[in-house]
Amino acid sequence: MSDAGTRPLRVLQILRSMEVGGAETLVMNLYRHINRSRIQFDFLLFSDRGYYEPEILELGGVIHRLPYLTDVGLLSWLRQLGRFFRAHPQYRIVHSHLNTISGPILMMAKRAGVPVRIAHSHACGSRYRVVERPIRWVFRRMLLPSATHLMACSHAAGSWLFGKPNEHQVAVLRNAIDLTAFRPSDAQGVRRCMELNDRLVIGHVGSFSRAKNHVFLIDLMPELIERNPDIMLVFVGDGPLRPEIQRQVASMGLQEQVRFLGVRSDIAELMSLFDVFAFPSLFEGLGIVLIEAQATGLRCVVSDAVPTEADMGVGLVDFVSLDDGEAWVTRLLEPTGPRKDTHAALCARGYDIRQTAGWLQSHYPSLR
């Protein structure tokens, strides 16, 4: 463990990009709250510049970049990974957040002599294309022999990626948040600025990807509008499927009832603006935005494909099957009572980022 006056322990965080997403947000929450005089994060990324990168540089992190697997082919990618790890022997701990893709990454780190290799699961399901499944199966088989330590955002996520090892072998690192930033607040001023007034606002925060299942909510809109014409669906986030979803909205004539806000830094304020939070994911490791929603006292209607560990036990989460669209409509339109302070309950469950960052700060040095 670093003492005062010595250099911090530098840990290499490996992600596809540092755009806004669940794993990326967790890593940044940890990075902001960890003692950076003792632990410093550097990053190996496989994409162009992402949303969080300026902040990473401000916090003292170093960003390395390599082409992604699909850009150069598997063999070339493995060779580049090997050269990278051999060229950077200062990284004695690497922490990969890429689910099955962590297999070959950690295999090359092992070959280069990196002593501590952490595989971290952030999902509990996938919808790979048929042509991808054999190689993903191979990558998954590489994980356990290549990783020295296993982490997951939930027990379900750990079981999905690593099988069912003894629970002491998989450390659950909770998708904790800064609870001080997420509290119930009066959003009337924001509602007026956005010309929402007394409309019923259904909110969703998440990247535009298949897993988030935006199309499900769009398909519900005609029935929702028939029952309540003063309804508004608000999407926060960005991603590759956003143009496709926007075209669907236009083709259904829903432009006046659906808003796209893009990537936002005021998520806490928006959570206070929403009347209900909709989360129809096809699969999730946990869903950090669900923690944020509950921290603001927001009622959540959630796919039953989301792990039950996402329910903080404060009476705000309603799990509903994606096969029952009628139930979704009914739940989304239910009256919402006054918001309550849920912070004590979330803190008791270990979702205060200060607790989690403190644990990780002690955990990393103990692995060497």
Protein backbone atom coordinates (compact mmCIF):
# COMPACT_ATOMS: atom_id res chain seq x y z
CA MET A 1 0.00 0.00 0.00
CA SER A 2 1.35 3.41 -0.94
CA ASP A 3 2.59 5.59 1.87
CA ALA A 4 2.53 9.39 1.91
CA GLY A 5 5.12 10.75 -0.46
CA THR A 6 5.29 7.62 -2.64
CA ARG A 7 3.73 7.13 -6.03
CA PRO A 8 0.17 5.80 -6.15
CA LEU A 9 -0.54 2.26 -7.28
CA ARG A 10 -1.65 2.54 -10.91
CA VAL A 11 -4.43 0.13 -11.92
CA LEU A 12 -5.26 -0.36 -15.60
CA GLN A 13 -9.01 -0.26 -16.24
CA ILE A 14 -9.97 -1.94 -19.53
CA LEU A 15 -13.22 -0.97 -21.28
CA ARG A 16 -14.48 -0.71 -24.85
CA SER A 17 -14.94 3.05 -24.53
CA MET A 18 -15.61 5.75 -21.95
CA GLU A 19 -18.94 6.81 -23.34
CA VAL A 20 -21.81 6.97 -20.86
CA GLY A 21 -22.93 3.48 -19.82
CA GLY A 22 -23.41 1.37 -16.70
CA ALA A 23 -19.87 -0.01 -16.38
CA GLU A 24 -18.33 3.29 -17.44
CA THR A 25 -20.39 5.25 -14.92
CA LEU A 26 -19.46 2.87 -12.12
CA VAL A 27 -15.74 3.17 -12.93
CA MET A 28 -16.00 6.95 -12.99
CA ASN A 29 -17.94 7.04 -9.72
CA LEU A 30 -15.17 4.96 -8.14
CA TYR A 31 -12.45 7.07 -9.73
CA ARG A 32 -13.92 10.32 -8.39
CA HIS A 33 -14.12 9.01 -4.83
CA ILE A 34 -11.03 6.85 -4.47
CA ASN A 35 -7.97 8.37 -2.80
CA ARG A 36 -5.94 9.13 -5.92
CA SER A 37 -2.79 9.75 -3.91
CA ARG A 38 -2.89 6.01 -3.15
CA ILE A 39 -4.69 4.47 -6.15
CA GLN A 40 -4.64 5.94 -9.66
CA PHE A 41 -6.67 4.65 -12.60
CA ASP A 42 -5.27 4.45 -16.12
CA PHE A 43 -7.34 3.20 -19.06
CA LEU A 44 -6.97 0.90 -22.05
CA LEU A 45 -9.77 1.65 -24.52
CA PHE A 46 -10.75 0.28 -27.93
CA SER A 47 -12.60 3.26 -29.38
CA ASP A 48 -12.32 6.90 -30.31
CA ARG A 49 -12.68 9.70 -27.78
CA GLY A 50 -15.52 9.18 -25.28
CA TYR A 51 -17.65 11.37 -23.01
CA TYR A 52 -15.68 10.78 -19.80
CA GLU A 53 -12.18 11.14 -21.25
CA PRO A 54 -11.63 14.85 -20.47
CA GLU A 55 -12.48 14.18 -16.82
CA ILE A 56 -10.13 11.18 -16.74
CA LEU A 57 -7.26 13.38 -17.88
CA GLU A 58 -8.17 16.05 -15.32
CA LEU A 59 -8.05 13.44 -12.56
CA GLY A 60 -4.56 12.37 -13.59
CA GLY A 61 -5.37 9.24 -15.57
CA VAL A 62 -3.51 8.06 -18.65
CA ILE A 63 -5.50 6.81 -21.65
CA HIS A 64 -4.09 4.11 -23.94
CA ARG A 65 -5.90 3.17 -27.11
CA LEU A 66 -5.83 0.10 -29.36
CA PRO A 67 -7.99 -0.95 -32.34
CA TYR A 68 -10.86 -3.23 -31.46
CA LEU A 69 -11.10 -6.91 -32.33
CA THR A 70 -13.56 -6.33 -35.18
CA ASP A 71 -11.35 -3.62 -36.72
CA VAL A 72 -8.20 -5.70 -37.20
CA GLY A 73 -9.18 -9.36 -36.82
CA LEU A 74 -8.55 -11.72 -33.93
CA LEU A 75 -4.91 -12.69 -34.53
CA SER A 76 -3.73 -9.14 -35.15
CA TRP A 77 -5.69 -7.96 -32.11
CA LEU A 78 -4.10 -10.58 -29.86
CA ARG A 79 -0.64 -9.64 -31.09
CA GLN A 80 -1.32 -5.96 -30.37
CA LEU A 81 -2.56 -6.80 -26.89
CA GLY A 82 0.56 -8.86 -26.22
CA ARG A 83 2.83 -6.06 -27.39
CA PHE A 84 0.93 -3.55 -25.25
CA PHE A 85 1.24 -5.53 -22.01
CA ARG A 86 4.93 -6.27 -22.61
CA ALA A 87 5.57 -2.58 -23.30
CA HIS A 88 3.84 -1.48 -20.07
CA PRO A 89 5.21 -3.64 -17.27
CA GLN A 90 4.30 -0.91 -14.76
CA TYR A 91 0.75 -2.30 -14.67
CA ARG A 92 0.77 -5.05 -12.06
CA ILE A 93 -3.05 -5.00 -11.78
CA VAL A 94 -5.38 -4.99 -14.78
CA HIS A 95 -9.16 -4.82 -14.31
CA SER A 96 -11.17 -5.79 -17.39
CA HIS A 97 -14.84 -4.82 -17.67
CA LEU A 98 -15.61 -6.43 -21.05
CA ASN A 99 -17.50 -9.56 -19.98
CA THR A 100 -16.66 -12.44 -22.40
CA ILE A 101 -14.12 -10.29 -24.27
CA SER A 102 -12.10 -10.17 -21.04
CA GLY A 103 -11.07 -13.79 -21.76
CA PRO A 104 -8.55 -13.15 -24.54
CA ILE A 105 -7.48 -9.82 -23.02
CA LEU A 106 -6.54 -11.42 -19.71
CA MET A 107 -4.97 -14.39 -21.50
CA MET A 108 -2.54 -12.01 -23.22
CA ALA A 109 -1.94 -10.15 -19.93
CA LYS A 110 -1.11 -13.48 -18.29
CA ARG A 111 1.35 -14.37 -21.06
CA ALA A 112 3.03 -10.98 -20.57
CA GLY A 113 3.49 -11.69 -16.86
CA VAL A 114 0.88 -9.35 -15.37
CA PRO A 115 0.41 -10.84 -11.87
CA VAL A 116 -3.10 -9.59 -10.98
CA ARG A 117 -5.82 -9.96 -13.63
CA ILE A 118 -9.41 -9.11 -12.66
CA ALA A 119 -12.41 -10.14 -14.79
CA HIS A 120 -15.53 -8.11 -13.97
CA SER A 121 -19.03 -9.12 -15.08
CA HIS A 122 -21.50 -6.32 -15.77
CA ALA A 123 -24.26 -8.36 -17.45
CA CYS A 124 -26.42 -11.41 -16.87
CA GLY A 125 -27.48 -12.14 -20.44
CA SER A 126 -26.67 -11.45 -24.08
CA ARG A 127 -28.13 -11.53 -27.57
CA TYR A 128 -25.11 -12.35 -29.70
CA ARG A 129 -25.61 -12.98 -33.39
CA VAL A 130 -25.49 -16.64 -34.38
CA VAL A 131 -22.12 -16.17 -36.12
CA GLU A 132 -20.65 -14.67 -32.93
CA ARG A 133 -21.68 -17.42 -30.54
CA PRO A 134 -18.86 -19.93 -31.16
CA ILE A 135 -16.10 -17.37 -30.66
CA ARG A 136 -17.85 -15.94 -27.59
CA TRP A 137 -18.02 -19.47 -26.17
CA VAL A 138 -14.26 -19.81 -26.72
CA PHE A 139 -13.62 -16.43 -25.08
CA ARG A 140 -15.69 -17.43 -22.07
CA ARG A 141 -13.66 -20.62 -21.72
CA MET A 142 -10.51 -18.50 -21.52
CA LEU A 143 -11.77 -16.46 -18.57
CA LEU A 144 -11.26 -18.67 -15.53
CA PRO A 145 -7.77 -19.90 -16.53
CA SER A 146 -6.67 -16.33 -17.34
CA ALA A 147 -8.17 -14.32 -14.46
CA THR A 148 -6.66 -14.32 -10.99
CA HIS A 149 -9.71 -12.63 -9.43
CA LEU A 150 -13.40 -12.39 -10.32
CA MET A 151 -15.82 -9.52 -9.70
CA ALA A 152 -19.43 -8.87 -10.62
CA CYS A 153 -22.03 -6.16 -10.14
CA SER A 154 -24.52 -8.72 -8.80
CA HIS A 155 -24.70 -12.40 -7.91
CA ALA A 156 -26.73 -12.98 -11.09
CA ALA A 157 -24.05 -11.31 -13.21
CA GLY A 158 -21.35 -13.43 -11.58
CA SER A 159 -23.23 -16.66 -12.25
CA TRP A 160 -23.93 -15.70 -15.87
CA LEU A 161 -20.29 -15.05 -16.81
CA PHE A 162 -18.36 -17.35 -14.50
CA GLY A 163 -20.80 -20.20 -13.93
CA LYS A 164 -21.59 -20.95 -10.30
CA PRO A 165 -18.31 -20.89 -8.42
CA ASN A 166 -18.15 -20.71 -4.64
CA GLU A 167 -19.44 -17.24 -3.79
CA HIS A 168 -16.19 -16.43 -1.99
CA GLN A 169 -14.46 -16.58 -5.36
CA VAL A 170 -16.58 -13.81 -6.90
CA ALA A 171 -16.47 -10.45 -5.16
CA VAL A 172 -19.68 -8.47 -5.69
CA LEU A 173 -18.69 -4.85 -6.27
CA ARG A 174 -21.96 -2.99 -6.01
CA ASN A 175 -22.96 -0.40 -8.61
CA ALA A 176 -22.84 2.28 -5.95
CA ILE A 177 -23.64 5.94 -6.54
CA ASP A 178 -23.00 9.29 -4.92
CA LEU A 179 -26.10 9.39 -2.73
CA THR A 180 -25.55 13.05 -1.88
CA ALA A 181 -26.16 13.93 -5.55
CA PHE A 182 -29.44 11.99 -5.81
CA ARG A 183 -32.22 13.23 -3.57
CA PRO A 184 -35.91 13.96 -4.18
CA SER A 185 -36.24 17.59 -5.27
CA ASP A 186 -38.81 20.01 -6.66
CA ALA A 187 -38.70 19.85 -10.47
CA GLN A 188 -41.48 22.32 -11.23
CA GLY A 189 -39.06 24.88 -12.64
CA VAL A 190 -37.50 22.29 -14.93
CA ARG A 191 -40.94 21.11 -16.03
CA ARG A 192 -41.89 24.67 -16.99
CA CYS A 193 -38.65 25.18 -18.91
CA MET A 194 -39.28 21.97 -20.85
CA GLU A 195 -42.97 22.94 -21.34
CA LEU A 196 -44.14 19.77 -19.64
CA ASN A 197 -46.43 21.47 -17.13
CA ASP A 198 -48.91 18.85 -15.85
CA ARG A 199 -48.08 16.10 -18.33
CA LEU A 200 -47.38 12.58 -17.06
CA VAL A 201 -43.67 12.04 -17.78
CA ILE A 202 -42.35 8.52 -18.31
CA GLY A 203 -38.56 8.57 -18.20
CA HIS A 204 -35.88 6.21 -19.43
CA VAL A 205 -32.09 6.58 -19.10
CA GLY A 206 -29.82 4.27 -21.06
CA SER A 207 -27.74 3.81 -24.17
CA PHE A 208 -29.60 3.11 -27.39
CA SER A 209 -28.78 -0.58 -27.77
CA ARG A 210 -30.82 -3.75 -28.28
CA ALA A 211 -30.46 -4.73 -24.63
CA LYS A 212 -32.23 -1.57 -23.43
CA ASN A 213 -35.30 -2.41 -25.54
CA HIS A 214 -36.47 1.13 -26.37
CA VAL A 215 -38.71 -0.25 -29.12
CA PHE A 216 -40.88 -1.91 -26.46
CA LEU A 217 -41.80 1.46 -24.95
CA ILE A 218 -42.48 3.01 -28.35
CA ASP A 219 -44.87 0.18 -29.17
CA LEU A 220 -46.77 0.87 -25.92
CA MET A 221 -47.27 4.56 -26.70
CA PRO A 222 -50.52 4.37 -28.73
CA GLU A 223 -52.27 2.55 -25.87
CA LEU A 224 -50.74 4.87 -23.27
CA ILE A 225 -51.87 7.96 -25.21
CA GLU A 226 -55.39 6.54 -25.65
CA ARG A 227 -55.68 6.22 -21.87
CA ASN A 228 -53.90 9.48 -21.05
CA PRO A 229 -53.43 12.01 -23.89
CA ASP A 230 -51.24 14.19 -21.65
CA ILE A 231 -48.36 11.73 -21.60
CA MET A 232 -44.73 12.30 -22.52
CA LEU A 233 -41.99 9.69 -22.98
CA VAL A 234 -38.49 11.06 -22.40
CA PHE A 235 -35.36 9.20 -23.50
CA VAL A 236 -31.99 10.20 -22.04
CA GLY A 237 -28.84 8.81 -23.62
CA ASP A 238 -27.29 8.08 -26.98
CA GLY A 239 -26.05 5.11 -28.93
CA PRO A 240 -26.01 3.35 -32.29
CA LEU A 241 -29.75 2.62 -32.39
CA ARG A 242 -30.92 6.15 -31.68
CA PRO A 243 -31.55 7.04 -35.37
CA GLU A 244 -33.55 3.83 -35.82
CA ILE A 245 -35.71 4.59 -32.77
CA GLN A 246 -36.23 8.17 -33.93
CA ARG A 247 -37.39 6.91 -37.33
CA GLN A 248 -39.85 4.58 -35.61
CA VAL A 249 -41.21 7.49 -33.56
CA ALA A 250 -41.64 9.59 -36.71
CA SER A 251 -43.30 6.76 -38.65
CA MET A 252 -45.87 6.39 -35.84
CA GLY A 253 -46.50 10.15 -35.66
CA LEU A 254 -45.31 10.36 -32.05
CA GLN A 255 -42.91 13.31 -32.33
CA GLU A 256 -45.05 15.42 -29.96
CA GLN A 257 -45.17 12.68 -27.31
CA VAL A 258 -41.54 11.43 -27.34
CA ARG A 259 -38.44 13.49 -26.57
CA PHE A 260 -34.80 12.60 -27.05
CA LEU A 261 -32.53 14.53 -24.67
CA GLY A 262 -29.22 12.89 -25.57
CA VAL A 263 -26.40 12.45 -23.06
CA ARG A 264 -26.96 14.62 -19.99
CA SER A 265 -24.95 15.48 -16.91
CA ASP A 266 -28.06 16.43 -14.86
CA ILE A 267 -29.46 12.93 -14.36
CA ALA A 268 -30.42 13.63 -10.74
CA GLU A 269 -32.54 16.61 -11.79
CA LEU A 270 -34.16 14.62 -14.57
CA MET A 271 -35.02 11.79 -12.19
CA SER A 272 -36.90 14.35 -10.10
CA LEU A 273 -38.66 15.52 -13.25
CA PHE A 274 -39.98 12.06 -14.17
CA ASP A 275 -43.25 10.74 -12.75
CA VAL A 276 -42.30 7.13 -13.35
CA PHE A 277 -39.15 5.37 -14.57
CA ALA A 278 -39.47 2.69 -17.28
CA PHE A 279 -36.75 0.07 -17.64
CA PRO A 280 -37.73 -2.68 -20.13
CA SER A 281 -34.26 -4.21 -20.58
CA LEU A 282 -33.86 -7.61 -22.21
CA PHE A 283 -31.01 -8.28 -19.76
CA GLU A 284 -28.95 -6.35 -17.21
CA GLY A 285 -26.11 -7.01 -14.83
CA LEU A 286 -27.92 -4.78 -12.33
CA GLY A 287 -28.83 -1.40 -13.80
CA ILE A 288 -27.07 1.51 -12.11
CA VAL A 289 -29.77 3.95 -13.26
CA LEU A 290 -32.29 1.93 -11.23
CA ILE A 291 -30.24 2.67 -8.13
CA GLU A 292 -30.20 6.36 -9.06
CA ALA A 293 -33.96 6.36 -9.65
CA GLN A 294 -34.68 4.78 -6.26
CA ALA A 295 -32.30 7.23 -4.59
CA THR A 296 -34.58 10.04 -5.81
CA GLY A 297 -37.69 8.22 -4.59
CA LEU A 298 -38.89 7.54 -8.14
CA ARG A 299 -41.34 4.70 -8.85
CA CYS A 300 -39.85 2.19 -11.33
CA VAL A 301 -41.57 -0.24 -13.71
CA VAL A 302 -38.93 -2.80 -14.62
CA SER A 303 -38.53 -5.85 -16.85
CA ASP A 304 -38.48 -9.11 -14.96
CA ALA A 305 -35.25 -9.90 -16.86
CA VAL A 306 -33.48 -7.45 -14.53
CA PRO A 307 -31.92 -9.09 -11.43
CA THR A 308 -34.07 -8.75 -8.31
CA GLU A 309 -30.94 -7.46 -6.55
CA ALA A 310 -31.71 -4.13 -8.25
CA ASP A 311 -34.69 -3.71 -5.92
CA MET A 312 -33.45 -1.82 -2.85
CA GLY A 313 -36.44 -2.90 -0.78
CA VAL A 314 -37.95 0.57 -0.53
CA GLY A 315 -41.22 -0.26 -2.31
CA LEU A 316 -40.43 1.52 -5.57
CA VAL A 317 -39.67 -1.30 -8.02
CA ASP A 318 -42.40 -3.22 -9.83
CA PHE A 319 -41.10 -6.13 -11.94
CA VAL A 320 -43.33 -6.87 -14.95
CA SER A 321 -42.96 -9.47 -17.71
CA LEU A 322 -42.16 -8.14 -21.17
CA ASP A 323 -44.80 -10.58 -22.45
CA ASP A 324 -47.54 -8.60 -20.69
CA GLY A 325 -47.84 -5.25 -22.45
CA GLU A 326 -51.23 -4.57 -20.85
CA ALA A 327 -49.67 -4.84 -17.38
CA TRP A 328 -46.93 -2.39 -18.43
CA VAL A 329 -49.50 0.16 -19.56
CA THR A 330 -51.46 -0.20 -16.32
CA ARG A 331 -48.37 0.08 -14.09
CA LEU A 332 -46.95 3.07 -15.96
CA LEU A 333 -50.21 4.97 -15.58
CA GLU A 334 -50.71 4.26 -11.88
CA PRO A 335 -50.88 7.36 -9.65
CA THR A 336 -47.63 8.25 -7.91
CA GLY A 337 -47.56 9.40 -4.30
CA PRO A 338 -45.12 11.77 -2.60
CA ARG A 339 -41.47 10.85 -2.86
CA LYS A 340 -39.70 9.50 0.18
CA ASP A 341 -36.11 9.64 1.37
CA THR A 342 -34.53 6.28 0.62
CA HIS A 343 -30.90 7.06 1.40
CA ALA A 344 -30.64 5.20 4.69
CA ALA A 345 -31.93 2.02 3.02
CA LEU A 346 -29.54 2.32 0.06
CA CYS A 347 -26.62 3.03 2.34
CA ALA A 348 -27.47 -0.01 4.48
CA ARG A 349 -27.40 -2.17 1.34
CA GLY A 350 -23.92 -0.93 0.43
CA TYR A 351 -24.79 1.46 -2.40
CA ASP A 352 -22.98 4.53 -1.08
CA ILE A 353 -20.03 5.13 -3.41
CA ARG A 354 -17.83 6.25 -0.54
CA GLN A 355 -18.15 2.84 1.10
CA THR A 356 -17.47 1.01 -2.17
CA ALA A 357 -14.51 3.19 -3.15
CA GLY A 358 -13.03 2.71 0.31
CA TRP A 359 -13.33 -1.07 0.01
CA LEU A 360 -11.72 -1.12 -3.45
CA GLN A 361 -8.96 1.21 -2.28
CA SER A 362 -7.99 -1.36 0.33
CA HIS A 363 -8.68 -4.37 -1.89
CA TYR A 364 -6.39 -3.54 -4.83
CA PRO A 365 -3.13 -3.40 -2.80
CA SER A 366 -4.04 -6.62 -0.98
CA LEU A 367 -4.07 -8.52 -4.31
CA ARG A 368 -0.39 -7.96 -5.09
